[in-house]
N, C-alpha and C. Protein backbone atom coordinates (compact mmCIF):
# COMPACT_ATOMS: atom_id res chain seq x y z
N MET A 1 -12.57 -19.98 -14.13
CA MET A 1 -11.35 -20.77 -14.24
C MET A 1 -10.65 -20.75 -12.75
N LEU A 2 -10.08 -21.85 -12.56
CA LEU A 2 -9.23 -21.73 -11.20
C LEU A 2 -7.42 -22.32 -11.38
N ALA A 3 -6.78 -21.42 -10.62
CA ALA A 3 -5.64 -22.04 -10.58
C ALA A 3 -4.61 -21.67 -9.41
N VAL A 4 -3.80 -22.19 -8.90
CA VAL A 4 -3.05 -22.03 -8.17
C VAL A 4 -1.48 -21.80 -8.46
N HIS A 5 -0.86 -20.86 -7.77
CA HIS A 5 0.64 -20.72 -7.96
C HIS A 5 1.44 -20.66 -6.35
N ALA A 6 2.07 -21.72 -5.84
CA ALA A 6 3.21 -21.53 -5.13
C ALA A 6 4.49 -21.53 -5.10
N ARG A 7 5.15 -20.68 -4.42
CA ARG A 7 6.07 -20.30 -4.51
C ARG A 7 6.77 -20.72 -2.74
N TYR A 8 7.85 -22.02 -3.46
CA TYR A 8 8.62 -22.44 -1.91
C TYR A 8 9.73 -21.18 -0.92
N ARG A 9 9.40 -21.35 0.03
CA ARG A 9 9.73 -20.32 0.90
C ARG A 9 10.27 -21.24 2.44
N GLY A 10 10.81 -22.36 2.26
CA GLY A 10 11.34 -22.76 3.07
C GLY A 10 13.11 -23.03 3.38
N ARG A 11 13.59 -24.06 3.88
CA ARG A 11 14.93 -23.79 3.72
C ARG A 11 15.87 -25.05 3.47
N ALA A 12 14.99 -25.89 2.68
CA ALA A 12 15.70 -26.83 2.04
C ALA A 12 17.00 -26.52 1.27
N THR A 13 17.91 -27.35 1.29
CA THR A 13 19.29 -26.89 0.12
C THR A 13 19.12 -27.12 -1.05
N ARG A 14 18.62 -28.46 -1.63
CA ARG A 14 17.67 -29.30 -2.37
C ARG A 14 16.41 -28.48 -3.24
N ARG A 15 16.75 -26.80 -2.70
CA ARG A 15 15.25 -26.96 -3.48
C ARG A 15 14.30 -27.20 -4.37
N ALA A 16 15.19 -27.30 -5.21
CA ALA A 16 14.82 -27.12 -7.23
C ALA A 16 14.27 -29.03 -7.19
N GLU A 17 14.89 -30.07 -6.82
CA GLU A 17 14.21 -31.22 -6.49
C GLU A 17 13.40 -31.43 -5.65
N LEU A 18 12.84 -30.60 -4.42
CA LEU A 18 11.73 -30.42 -3.43
C LEU A 18 10.78 -30.28 -3.95
N VAL A 19 11.08 -28.88 -4.91
CA VAL A 19 9.76 -28.52 -6.05
C VAL A 19 9.17 -29.24 -6.39
N GLU A 20 10.17 -29.94 -7.56
CA GLU A 20 10.04 -30.71 -8.46
C GLU A 20 8.93 -31.83 -7.97
N ARG A 21 9.41 -32.47 -6.70
CA ARG A 21 8.69 -33.53 -6.29
C ARG A 21 7.42 -33.30 -5.68
N SER A 22 7.17 -31.74 -5.15
CA SER A 22 6.04 -31.24 -4.35
C SER A 22 5.08 -31.63 -5.90
N ALA A 23 5.74 -30.55 -6.99
CA ALA A 23 4.76 -30.43 -8.38
C ALA A 23 4.27 -31.66 -8.16
N ALA A 24 5.15 -32.90 -8.32
CA ALA A 24 4.22 -34.16 -9.25
C ALA A 24 3.02 -34.55 -8.48
N ALA A 25 3.33 -34.53 -6.99
CA ALA A 25 2.70 -35.21 -5.91
C ALA A 25 1.31 -34.10 -6.67
N LEU A 26 1.25 -33.21 -6.07
CA LEU A 26 -0.04 -32.38 -6.00
C LEU A 26 -0.85 -32.33 -7.37
N SER A 27 0.02 -32.53 -8.82
CA SER A 27 -0.56 -32.27 -9.84
C SER A 27 -1.50 -34.26 -10.13
N THR A 28 -1.46 -34.88 -9.21
CA THR A 28 -2.02 -36.71 -8.83
C THR A 28 -3.36 -36.38 -8.23
N LEU A 29 -3.25 -35.11 -7.47
CA LEU A 29 -4.28 -34.85 -7.05
C LEU A 29 -6.05 -34.60 -7.72
N ASP A 30 -7.31 -35.38 -7.89
CA ASP A 30 -8.29 -35.48 -8.61
C ASP A 30 -8.29 -33.76 -9.22
N GLY A 31 -8.48 -33.68 -10.14
CA GLY A 31 -9.15 -32.20 -10.63
C GLY A 31 -8.22 -31.23 -10.57
N VAL A 32 -6.65 -31.73 -10.64
CA VAL A 32 -5.65 -30.83 -10.52
C VAL A 32 -4.79 -30.78 -12.34
N GLY A 33 -4.70 -30.36 -12.63
CA GLY A 33 -3.86 -30.03 -13.76
C GLY A 33 -2.08 -30.15 -13.76
N GLU A 34 -1.42 -30.44 -14.82
CA GLU A 34 -0.07 -30.60 -14.29
C GLU A 34 0.48 -29.51 -13.32
N PHE A 35 1.29 -29.27 -12.79
CA PHE A 35 1.81 -27.75 -12.41
C PHE A 35 3.04 -27.17 -13.19
N GLU A 36 3.26 -26.18 -13.33
CA GLU A 36 4.13 -25.77 -14.93
C GLU A 36 5.28 -25.23 -13.65
N PHE A 37 6.40 -25.22 -14.09
CA PHE A 37 7.61 -24.49 -13.29
C PHE A 37 7.73 -23.28 -13.98
N LEU A 38 7.80 -22.29 -12.39
CA LEU A 38 8.04 -21.43 -13.50
C LEU A 38 9.56 -20.34 -12.64
N GLY A 39 10.01 -21.07 -12.02
CA GLY A 39 11.50 -20.67 -11.34
C GLY A 39 11.90 -22.02 -11.23
N VAL A 40 13.03 -21.67 -10.10
CA VAL A 40 13.14 -23.07 -9.20
C VAL A 40 12.16 -22.90 -7.97
N GLU A 41 11.66 -21.90 -7.47
CA GLU A 41 11.06 -22.47 -6.26
C GLU A 41 9.72 -22.39 -6.66
N ASP A 42 9.01 -21.66 -7.96
CA ASP A 42 7.70 -21.67 -8.45
C ASP A 42 7.43 -22.19 -9.01
N ILE A 43 5.35 -22.77 -8.25
CA ILE A 43 4.56 -23.89 -9.52
C ILE A 43 3.56 -22.94 -9.98
N CYS A 44 3.08 -23.68 -10.97
CA CYS A 44 1.43 -22.89 -11.20
C CYS A 44 0.71 -24.27 -12.05
N ALA A 45 -0.49 -24.05 -11.73
CA ALA A 45 -1.17 -24.80 -12.18
C ALA A 45 -2.59 -24.43 -12.71
N ASP A 46 -3.51 -24.83 -13.79
CA ASP A 46 -4.96 -24.86 -13.57
C ASP A 46 -5.61 -25.61 -12.46
N VAL A 47 -6.83 -25.65 -12.40
CA VAL A 47 -7.48 -26.73 -11.31
C VAL A 47 -8.66 -26.72 -11.44
N ASP A 48 -9.76 -27.36 -11.50
CA ASP A 48 -10.94 -27.50 -12.01
C ASP A 48 -11.82 -27.06 -11.43
N THR A 49 -12.02 -27.74 -10.05
CA THR A 49 -13.00 -27.29 -8.86
C THR A 49 -11.96 -26.13 -7.78
N ALA A 50 -13.39 -25.89 -6.80
CA ALA A 50 -13.33 -25.29 -5.65
C ALA A 50 -12.99 -26.09 -4.62
N THR A 51 -13.28 -27.21 -4.38
CA THR A 51 -12.79 -28.73 -3.89
C THR A 51 -11.39 -29.00 -4.05
N ALA A 52 -10.78 -28.48 -5.60
CA ALA A 52 -8.67 -29.25 -5.63
C ALA A 52 -8.42 -28.58 -5.70
N VAL A 53 -9.21 -26.92 -5.34
CA VAL A 53 -8.03 -25.74 -4.91
C VAL A 53 -7.81 -26.13 -3.29
N CYS A 54 -8.68 -26.23 -3.15
CA CYS A 54 -8.99 -26.49 -1.26
C CYS A 54 -7.86 -27.11 -1.32
N GLU A 55 -8.31 -28.77 -1.46
CA GLU A 55 -6.83 -30.01 -1.49
C GLU A 55 -5.23 -29.09 -1.57
N VAL A 56 -5.48 -28.77 -2.45
CA VAL A 56 -3.88 -28.00 -3.02
C VAL A 56 -3.35 -26.95 -1.87
N VAL A 57 -4.45 -26.61 -1.58
CA VAL A 57 -3.65 -25.19 -0.98
C VAL A 57 -3.92 -25.60 0.63
N MET A 58 -4.40 -26.88 1.08
CA MET A 58 -4.33 -26.89 2.61
C MET A 58 -2.98 -27.81 2.47
N ALA A 59 -2.70 -28.71 1.33
CA ALA A 59 -1.73 -29.13 1.10
C ALA A 59 -0.29 -29.03 1.95
N LEU A 60 -0.48 -27.76 0.90
CA LEU A 60 1.12 -26.51 0.83
C LEU A 60 0.74 -25.78 2.36
N LEU A 61 -0.29 -25.22 2.73
CA LEU A 61 -0.20 -25.17 3.78
C LEU A 61 -0.13 -26.58 5.09
N ALA A 62 -0.11 -27.17 5.03
CA ALA A 62 0.33 -28.44 5.87
C ALA A 62 1.80 -28.51 6.15
N ASP A 63 2.18 -28.58 4.70
CA ASP A 63 3.62 -28.57 4.58
C ASP A 63 4.31 -27.40 5.55
N GLY A 64 3.92 -26.09 5.59
CA GLY A 64 4.03 -24.74 6.25
C GLY A 64 5.71 -23.90 5.66
N SER A 65 5.88 -24.61 3.74
CA SER A 65 6.99 -24.11 3.61
C SER A 65 6.63 -23.38 2.02
N TRP A 66 5.55 -22.91 2.27
CA TRP A 66 5.05 -22.61 0.40
C TRP A 66 4.14 -20.88 0.69
N ALA A 67 4.17 -20.43 0.40
CA ALA A 67 3.02 -19.20 -0.06
C ALA A 67 2.49 -19.39 -1.36
N ILE A 68 1.39 -19.38 -1.03
CA ILE A 68 0.21 -19.84 -1.87
C ILE A 68 -0.73 -18.36 -2.42
N SER A 69 -0.93 -18.45 -4.18
CA SER A 69 -1.88 -17.26 -4.53
C SER A 69 -3.09 -18.48 -5.14
N ILE A 70 -4.55 -17.81 -5.06
CA ILE A 70 -5.40 -18.76 -6.01
C ILE A 70 -5.91 -17.55 -7.16
N GLY A 71 -5.97 -17.78 -7.93
CA GLY A 71 -6.37 -17.02 -9.37
C GLY A 71 -7.97 -17.58 -9.79
N VAL A 72 -8.60 -16.35 -9.60
CA VAL A 72 -10.09 -16.76 -9.93
C VAL A 72 -10.36 -15.77 -11.20
N SER A 73 -10.34 -16.54 -12.73
CA SER A 73 -10.57 -15.67 -13.72
C SER A 73 -11.44 -16.11 -14.85
N GLY A 74 -11.87 -15.47 -15.75
CA GLY A 74 -12.66 -15.64 -16.93
C GLY A 74 -11.97 -16.10 -18.08
N SER A 75 -10.89 -15.74 -17.90
CA SER A 75 -9.96 -16.55 -19.09
C SER A 75 -8.39 -16.57 -18.78
N ASP A 76 -7.76 -16.04 -17.80
CA ASP A 76 -6.44 -16.97 -17.87
C ASP A 76 -6.29 -17.05 -15.93
N ALA A 77 -6.41 -17.81 -15.29
CA ALA A 77 -6.45 -18.01 -14.12
C ALA A 77 -5.07 -18.64 -13.58
N LYS A 78 -3.96 -18.82 -14.65
CA LYS A 78 -3.37 -19.11 -14.06
C LYS A 78 -2.28 -17.90 -13.77
N LYS A 79 -2.64 -16.92 -14.88
CA LYS A 79 -1.96 -15.40 -15.00
C LYS A 79 -2.52 -14.76 -13.63
N THR A 80 -3.61 -14.91 -13.46
CA THR A 80 -4.31 -13.95 -12.30
C THR A 80 -3.60 -14.65 -11.01
N ALA A 81 -3.72 -15.50 -10.70
CA ALA A 81 -2.59 -16.05 -9.49
C ALA A 81 -1.26 -15.91 -9.63
N THR A 82 -0.91 -15.82 -10.31
CA THR A 82 1.12 -15.46 -9.99
C THR A 82 0.89 -13.87 -10.59
N GLU A 83 -0.37 -13.38 -11.40
CA GLU A 83 -0.28 -11.79 -10.39
C GLU A 83 -0.51 -11.38 -8.83
N GLY A 84 -0.97 -11.95 -8.31
CA GLY A 84 -1.25 -12.09 -7.18
C GLY A 84 -0.47 -12.45 -6.38
N LEU A 85 0.58 -13.10 -6.70
CA LEU A 85 1.41 -14.18 -5.56
C LEU A 85 2.73 -12.47 -5.26
N LYS A 86 2.66 -12.26 -4.55
CA LYS A 86 3.58 -10.75 -3.72
C LYS A 86 4.88 -11.51 -3.54
N PRO A 87 5.80 -10.62 -4.39
CA PRO A 87 7.57 -10.74 -4.21
C PRO A 87 7.98 -11.44 -3.05
N ALA A 88 7.54 -10.16 -1.74
CA ALA A 88 7.57 -10.84 -0.44
C ALA A 88 6.96 -11.34 0.72
N ALA A 89 6.10 -12.36 -0.86
CA ALA A 89 5.40 -13.34 0.62
C ALA A 89 5.95 -14.35 1.45
N ARG A 90 6.12 -14.49 2.25
CA ARG A 90 5.72 -15.37 3.69
C ARG A 90 5.30 -16.44 3.60
N PRO A 91 6.05 -18.15 4.06
CA PRO A 91 5.38 -19.20 4.38
C PRO A 91 4.00 -19.28 5.07
N GLY A 92 3.04 -19.72 4.74
CA GLY A 92 1.85 -19.75 5.34
C GLY A 92 0.95 -18.98 4.90
N GLN A 93 1.20 -17.76 3.89
CA GLN A 93 0.25 -17.02 3.69
C GLN A 93 -0.11 -17.30 2.31
N VAL A 94 -1.62 -16.97 2.46
CA VAL A 94 -2.12 -17.08 1.37
C VAL A 94 -3.00 -15.77 0.64
N TYR A 95 -2.62 -15.61 -0.67
CA TYR A 95 -3.76 -14.36 -1.55
C TYR A 95 -4.36 -15.09 -2.15
N ALA A 96 -5.74 -14.99 -2.69
CA ALA A 96 -6.49 -14.54 -3.59
C ALA A 96 -6.78 -13.48 -4.40
N THR A 97 -6.58 -13.72 -5.79
CA THR A 97 -7.23 -12.27 -6.79
C THR A 97 -8.35 -13.26 -7.77
N VAL A 98 -9.27 -12.31 -7.60
CA VAL A 98 -10.95 -12.82 -8.05
C VAL A 98 -10.90 -11.81 -9.53
N GLU A 99 -10.95 -11.87 -10.31
CA GLU A 99 -10.78 -10.60 -11.46
C GLU A 99 -12.31 -10.95 -11.55
N PRO A 100 -13.09 -9.51 -11.77
CA PRO A 100 -14.13 -9.09 -12.02
C PRO A 100 -14.64 -8.88 -12.91
N THR A 101 -16.29 -9.21 -13.04
CA THR A 101 -16.62 -9.17 -14.60
C THR A 101 -17.81 -8.32 -14.41
N VAL A 102 -18.54 -7.94 -15.68
CA VAL A 102 -19.27 -6.91 -15.95
C VAL A 102 -20.48 -7.42 -15.74
N ALA A 103 -21.20 -8.30 -15.04
CA ALA A 103 -22.48 -8.91 -15.36
C ALA A 103 -23.49 -8.19 -15.87
N ALA A 104 -24.62 -8.28 -16.18
CA ALA A 104 -25.65 -7.35 -17.01
C ALA A 104 -26.52 -6.62 -15.99
N GLY A 105 -26.65 -5.95 -16.24
CA GLY A 105 -27.06 -4.76 -14.58
C GLY A 105 -26.23 -4.28 -13.94
N THR A 106 -25.49 -4.68 -13.74
CA THR A 106 -23.89 -4.10 -12.44
C THR A 106 -22.88 -3.67 -13.36
N GLY A 107 -22.74 -2.48 -12.66
CA GLY A 107 -21.69 -1.63 -13.50
C GLY A 107 -19.92 -1.56 -12.61
N SER A 108 -19.11 -1.21 -13.86
CA SER A 108 -17.97 -1.75 -13.90
C SER A 108 -17.21 -1.72 -12.08
N LYS A 109 -17.96 -0.20 -11.32
CA LYS A 109 -17.28 -0.11 -10.53
C LYS A 109 -17.95 -0.76 -9.45
N ASP A 110 -19.23 -1.96 -9.43
CA ASP A 110 -19.58 -2.76 -8.20
C ASP A 110 -18.82 -4.18 -8.66
N ALA A 111 -18.54 -4.14 -9.79
CA ALA A 111 -17.91 -5.71 -9.94
C ALA A 111 -16.55 -5.71 -9.79
N LYS A 112 -15.91 -4.14 -9.75
CA LYS A 112 -14.58 -4.35 -8.90
C LYS A 112 -14.47 -4.30 -7.62
N GLU A 113 -15.53 -4.09 -7.13
CA GLU A 113 -15.97 -3.73 -5.44
C GLU A 113 -16.31 -5.21 -4.49
N LYS A 114 -17.01 -6.32 -5.76
CA LYS A 114 -17.50 -7.90 -5.37
C LYS A 114 -16.13 -8.38 -5.39
N ALA A 115 -15.21 -8.00 -6.53
CA ALA A 115 -13.92 -9.37 -6.73
C ALA A 115 -13.53 -8.47 -5.75
N LYS A 116 -12.82 -7.63 -5.05
CA LYS A 116 -12.33 -7.32 -4.32
C LYS A 116 -12.81 -8.02 -2.96
N LYS A 117 -14.03 -7.84 -2.78
CA LYS A 117 -14.53 -8.53 -1.43
C LYS A 117 -14.65 -10.11 -1.37
N ASP A 118 -14.68 -10.82 -2.97
CA ASP A 118 -14.50 -12.13 -2.86
C ASP A 118 -13.43 -12.43 -2.41
N SER A 119 -12.42 -11.65 -2.74
CA SER A 119 -10.71 -11.71 -2.56
C SER A 119 -10.44 -11.80 -1.18
N ALA A 120 -10.97 -10.92 -0.55
CA ALA A 120 -10.88 -10.84 0.70
C ALA A 120 -11.73 -11.77 1.67
N ASN A 121 -12.30 -12.10 1.25
CA ASN A 121 -13.58 -13.25 2.53
C ASN A 121 -12.33 -14.83 1.99
N ILE A 122 -11.76 -14.81 0.73
CA ILE A 122 -10.95 -16.12 0.50
C ILE A 122 -9.73 -16.39 1.32
N VAL A 123 -9.20 -15.19 1.79
CA VAL A 123 -7.96 -14.95 2.23
C VAL A 123 -7.83 -14.71 3.47
N SER A 124 -8.93 -14.83 3.84
CA SER A 124 -9.77 -14.84 5.53
C SER A 124 -9.96 -16.47 5.64
N ALA A 125 -10.77 -17.07 4.95
CA ALA A 125 -11.06 -18.28 5.40
C ALA A 125 -9.73 -18.83 5.43
N PHE A 126 -9.07 -19.18 4.96
CA PHE A 126 -7.36 -19.48 4.29
C PHE A 126 -7.02 -19.12 5.60
N ALA A 127 -6.51 -17.92 6.30
CA ALA A 127 -5.80 -17.26 7.08
C ALA A 127 -6.34 -18.04 8.46
N LEU A 128 -7.69 -18.37 8.41
CA LEU A 128 -8.35 -19.03 9.62
C LEU A 128 -7.66 -20.54 9.85
N LEU A 129 -7.81 -21.23 8.31
CA LEU A 129 -7.81 -22.56 8.33
C LEU A 129 -5.98 -22.73 8.60
N SER A 130 -5.52 -21.93 8.32
CA SER A 130 -3.74 -21.75 8.69
C SER A 130 -3.57 -21.62 10.22
N PHE A 131 -4.08 -21.09 10.93
CA PHE A 131 -4.14 -21.70 12.19
C PHE A 131 -4.28 -21.67 12.93
N VAL A 132 -5.45 -23.33 12.43
CA VAL A 132 -5.48 -24.04 13.07
C VAL A 132 -4.42 -25.13 12.94
N LEU A 133 -4.19 -25.04 11.51
CA LEU A 133 -3.01 -26.27 11.48
C LEU A 133 -1.75 -25.80 11.83
N GLY A 134 -1.28 -24.61 12.50
CA GLY A 134 -0.33 -24.30 12.74
C GLY A 134 -0.33 -24.53 14.45
N LYS A 135 -1.61 -24.56 14.99
CA LYS A 135 -1.48 -24.95 16.44
C LYS A 135 -1.52 -26.59 16.66
N ARG A 136 -1.61 -27.65 15.82
CA ARG A 136 -1.44 -29.07 15.86
C ARG A 136 -0.82 -29.44 16.39
N THR A 137 -0.45 -30.53 17.04
CA THR A 137 1.02 -31.08 17.31
C THR A 137 1.04 -32.31 16.84
N ALA A 138 1.88 -32.89 16.68
CA ALA A 138 2.90 -33.65 16.17
C ALA A 138 0.85 -35.11 16.12
N GLU A 139 0.66 -35.47 17.04
CA GLU A 139 -0.52 -36.18 17.48
C GLU A 139 -1.60 -35.83 16.69
N GLY A 140 -2.21 -34.54 16.90
CA GLY A 140 -3.32 -34.27 16.30
C GLY A 140 -3.09 -34.15 14.67
N ARG A 141 -1.57 -33.67 14.09
CA ARG A 141 -1.31 -34.32 12.71
C ARG A 141 -1.57 -35.67 11.93
N GLU A 142 -1.40 -36.36 13.07
CA GLU A 142 -1.38 -37.83 12.82
C GLU A 142 -3.22 -38.31 12.53
N ALA A 143 -3.75 -37.62 13.98
CA ALA A 143 -5.16 -37.99 13.69
C ALA A 143 -5.91 -37.42 12.74
N THR A 144 -6.04 -36.72 12.36
CA THR A 144 -6.13 -35.82 11.26
C THR A 144 -6.08 -36.19 9.81
N SER A 145 -5.02 -36.85 10.00
CA SER A 145 -4.49 -37.22 8.57
C SER A 145 -4.63 -37.82 8.58
N LEU A 146 -5.55 -39.32 9.34
CA LEU A 146 -5.76 -40.75 9.04
C LEU A 146 -6.79 -40.30 9.03
N VAL A 147 -8.15 -39.75 9.30
CA VAL A 147 -9.27 -39.30 9.09
C VAL A 147 -9.70 -38.72 8.04
N ARG A 148 -8.88 -37.88 7.46
CA ARG A 148 -9.19 -36.94 6.36
C ARG A 148 -8.57 -38.37 5.31
N SER A 149 -7.84 -39.16 5.62
CA SER A 149 -7.62 -40.27 4.30
C SER A 149 -8.66 -41.20 4.13
N GLY A 150 -9.66 -41.13 4.96
CA GLY A 150 -10.83 -42.02 4.93
C GLY A 150 -11.68 -42.45 6.06
N LEU A 151 -10.46 -42.82 6.85
CA LEU A 151 -10.89 -43.78 8.53
C LEU A 151 -11.78 -43.19 8.69
N ASN A 152 -12.41 -43.96 9.30
CA ASN A 152 -13.74 -43.57 10.41
C ASN A 152 -12.42 -43.61 11.70
N GLN A 153 -13.62 -42.50 12.74
CA GLN A 153 -12.76 -42.66 14.43
C GLN A 153 -12.20 -43.98 15.07
N ASN A 154 -13.17 -44.95 14.70
CA ASN A 154 -13.13 -46.36 15.41
C ASN A 154 -11.27 -46.89 14.33
N GLU A 155 -11.39 -46.75 13.32
CA GLU A 155 -10.15 -47.41 12.59
C GLU A 155 -9.06 -46.43 12.52
N ALA A 156 -9.24 -45.63 12.78
CA ALA A 156 -7.92 -44.58 13.34
C ALA A 156 -7.71 -45.18 14.41
N ALA A 157 -8.36 -45.12 14.94
CA ALA A 157 -7.75 -45.51 16.65
C ALA A 157 -6.73 -45.91 16.57
N GLU A 158 -7.77 -47.40 16.19
CA GLU A 158 -7.21 -48.90 15.89
C GLU A 158 -5.82 -48.80 15.17
N GLU A 159 -5.39 -47.92 14.20
CA GLU A 159 -4.22 -47.79 13.31
C GLU A 159 -3.32 -47.36 14.60
N LEU A 160 -3.71 -46.13 15.28
CA LEU A 160 -2.77 -45.42 16.08
C LEU A 160 -2.02 -46.78 17.44
N GLY A 161 -3.61 -47.21 17.45
CA GLY A 161 -3.25 -48.34 18.66
C GLY A 161 -3.61 -47.34 20.58
N ILE A 162 -5.21 -46.60 19.46
CA ILE A 162 -5.47 -46.08 20.35
C ILE A 162 -7.09 -46.22 20.71
N SER A 163 -7.35 -46.07 22.29
CA SER A 163 -9.01 -46.16 22.43
C SER A 163 -9.70 -44.75 21.27
N LYS A 164 -10.92 -45.14 21.32
CA LYS A 164 -11.85 -44.61 20.83
C LYS A 164 -12.03 -42.76 21.01
N GLN A 165 -12.16 -43.04 22.79
CA GLN A 165 -12.28 -42.09 23.29
C GLN A 165 -10.69 -41.38 23.44
N ALA A 166 -9.49 -41.56 23.36
CA ALA A 166 -8.32 -41.26 23.13
C ALA A 166 -8.73 -40.14 21.69
N MET A 167 -9.22 -40.94 20.39
CA MET A 167 -8.94 -40.63 19.30
C MET A 167 -9.97 -39.17 18.94
N SER A 168 -11.17 -39.19 19.89
CA SER A 168 -11.92 -38.48 19.63
C SER A 168 -11.33 -37.17 20.53
N GLN A 169 -10.46 -37.15 21.65
CA GLN A 169 -9.95 -35.76 22.07
C GLN A 169 -8.56 -35.41 21.12
N ARG A 170 -7.95 -36.44 20.58
CA ARG A 170 -6.89 -35.64 19.77
C ARG A 170 -7.56 -34.77 18.72
N LEU A 171 -8.60 -35.52 18.08
CA LEU A 171 -9.25 -34.97 17.07
C LEU A 171 -9.94 -33.41 17.56
N GLN A 172 -10.48 -33.96 18.37
CA GLN A 172 -10.81 -32.19 19.06
C GLN A 172 -9.93 -31.33 19.47
N ALA A 173 -8.36 -31.85 20.30
CA ALA A 173 -7.60 -31.02 20.32
C ALA A 173 -7.01 -30.19 19.33
N ALA A 174 -7.20 -31.14 17.86
CA ALA A 174 -6.55 -30.73 16.91
C ALA A 174 -7.34 -29.93 15.86
N GLY A 175 -8.67 -29.39 16.64
CA GLY A 175 -9.12 -27.98 15.70
C GLY A 175 -9.89 -29.21 14.35
N TRP A 176 -10.28 -30.38 15.07
CA TRP A 176 -10.68 -31.61 13.12
C TRP A 176 -12.34 -30.09 12.90
N ALA A 177 -13.15 -30.16 14.35
CA ALA A 177 -14.11 -30.14 13.41
C ALA A 177 -14.22 -28.44 12.96
N ALA A 178 -13.48 -27.45 13.33
CA ALA A 178 -12.32 -26.06 12.91
C ALA A 178 -12.48 -26.55 11.43
N GLU A 179 -11.27 -27.12 11.22
CA GLU A 179 -11.12 -27.55 9.97
C GLU A 179 -12.17 -27.71 9.00
N GLY A 180 -13.22 -28.29 9.23
CA GLY A 180 -14.14 -28.93 8.63
C GLY A 180 -15.00 -27.40 8.20
N ALA A 181 -15.39 -27.12 8.52
CA ALA A 181 -16.34 -25.65 8.70
C ALA A 181 -15.39 -24.56 8.06
N GLY A 182 -14.01 -24.74 8.31
CA GLY A 182 -13.09 -23.87 7.59
C GLY A 182 -12.82 -24.30 6.22
N TRP A 183 -12.97 -25.51 6.12
CA TRP A 183 -13.00 -26.09 4.77
C TRP A 183 -13.87 -25.92 3.87
N GLN A 184 -15.18 -25.96 4.04
CA GLN A 184 -16.10 -25.71 3.14
C GLN A 184 -16.94 -24.11 2.99
N LEU A 185 -16.55 -23.79 3.78
CA LEU A 185 -16.51 -22.21 3.64
C LEU A 185 -15.93 -21.64 2.58
N ALA A 186 -14.31 -22.21 2.64
CA ALA A 186 -13.24 -21.67 1.31
C ALA A 186 -13.77 -22.49 0.53
N VAL A 187 -14.16 -23.41 0.42
CA VAL A 187 -14.97 -24.21 -1.21
C VAL A 187 -16.13 -23.07 -1.46
N ASN A 188 -16.94 -22.84 -0.08
CA ASN A 188 -17.97 -22.10 -1.25
C ASN A 188 -17.95 -20.75 -1.66
N LEU A 189 -16.79 -20.04 -0.77
CA LEU A 189 -16.67 -18.58 -1.48
C LEU A 189 -15.82 -18.86 -3.07
N ILE A 190 -14.60 -20.22 -3.00
CA ILE A 190 -13.81 -20.20 -4.38
C ILE A 190 -14.92 -20.43 -5.44
N ALA A 191 -15.86 -21.68 -4.67
CA ALA A 191 -16.84 -22.09 -6.22
C ALA A 191 -18.10 -20.66 -6.80
N ALA A 192 -18.38 -19.65 -5.62
CA ALA A 192 -18.93 -18.59 -5.89
C ALA A 192 -18.64 -17.60 -6.64
N ALA A 193 -17.21 -17.41 -6.18
CA ALA A 193 -16.29 -16.40 -7.19
C ALA A 193 -15.87 -16.93 -8.48
N ASP A 194 -15.48 -18.39 -8.35
CA ASP A 194 -15.61 -18.99 -9.95
C ASP A 194 -17.24 -18.80 -10.82
N LEU A 195 -18.19 -18.98 -10.19
CA LEU A 195 -19.59 -19.11 -10.74
C LEU A 195 -19.14 -17.34 -11.31
N ASP A 196 -19.31 -16.52 -10.89
CA ASP A 196 -19.01 -15.03 -11.25
C ASP A 196 -18.41 -14.46 -12.20
N ALA A 197 -16.57 -14.97 -12.46
CA ALA A 197 -16.01 -14.88 -12.77
C ALA A 197 -16.00 -15.66 -14.39
């Protein structure tokens, strides 16, 4: 079972309304349950797949105003995600907590070590993705957003009124290839941890 807990850390004056709108928008993503409000700044939802977890986390990272916790659990992923979010969490930080499970032939100590390593690997993948997103210019965010929405480079270039070569350069400068690789790594790590939970 998977869940995402997010805490708004931005400076909006009407933060409760912003958090509510964000929760409603995130709940429309495929494989994402309805976000539950846990306070003015906190929302949490069960998520069906590792891909859906990555979509939620990337949307929150792109906004830049959220601290995020991912929970992977065999019983209560929401609780695991909520407990994993540190009180002093800063915007752009991603935490992950994988609950250890004792498989046949594996000792409790080994299970705890594996869960700790899985958690650290997921956090590392999102730290790299956060770094890539943080270095993007407005033009890079615009270009990657169009390609992520399903347009090919030619269509995205036409939408922006630029040449295919200029579009290619924008995507390269925006770290599009690195984002794709990091995304796949994060999906794979979460999916593997979920199988073990």
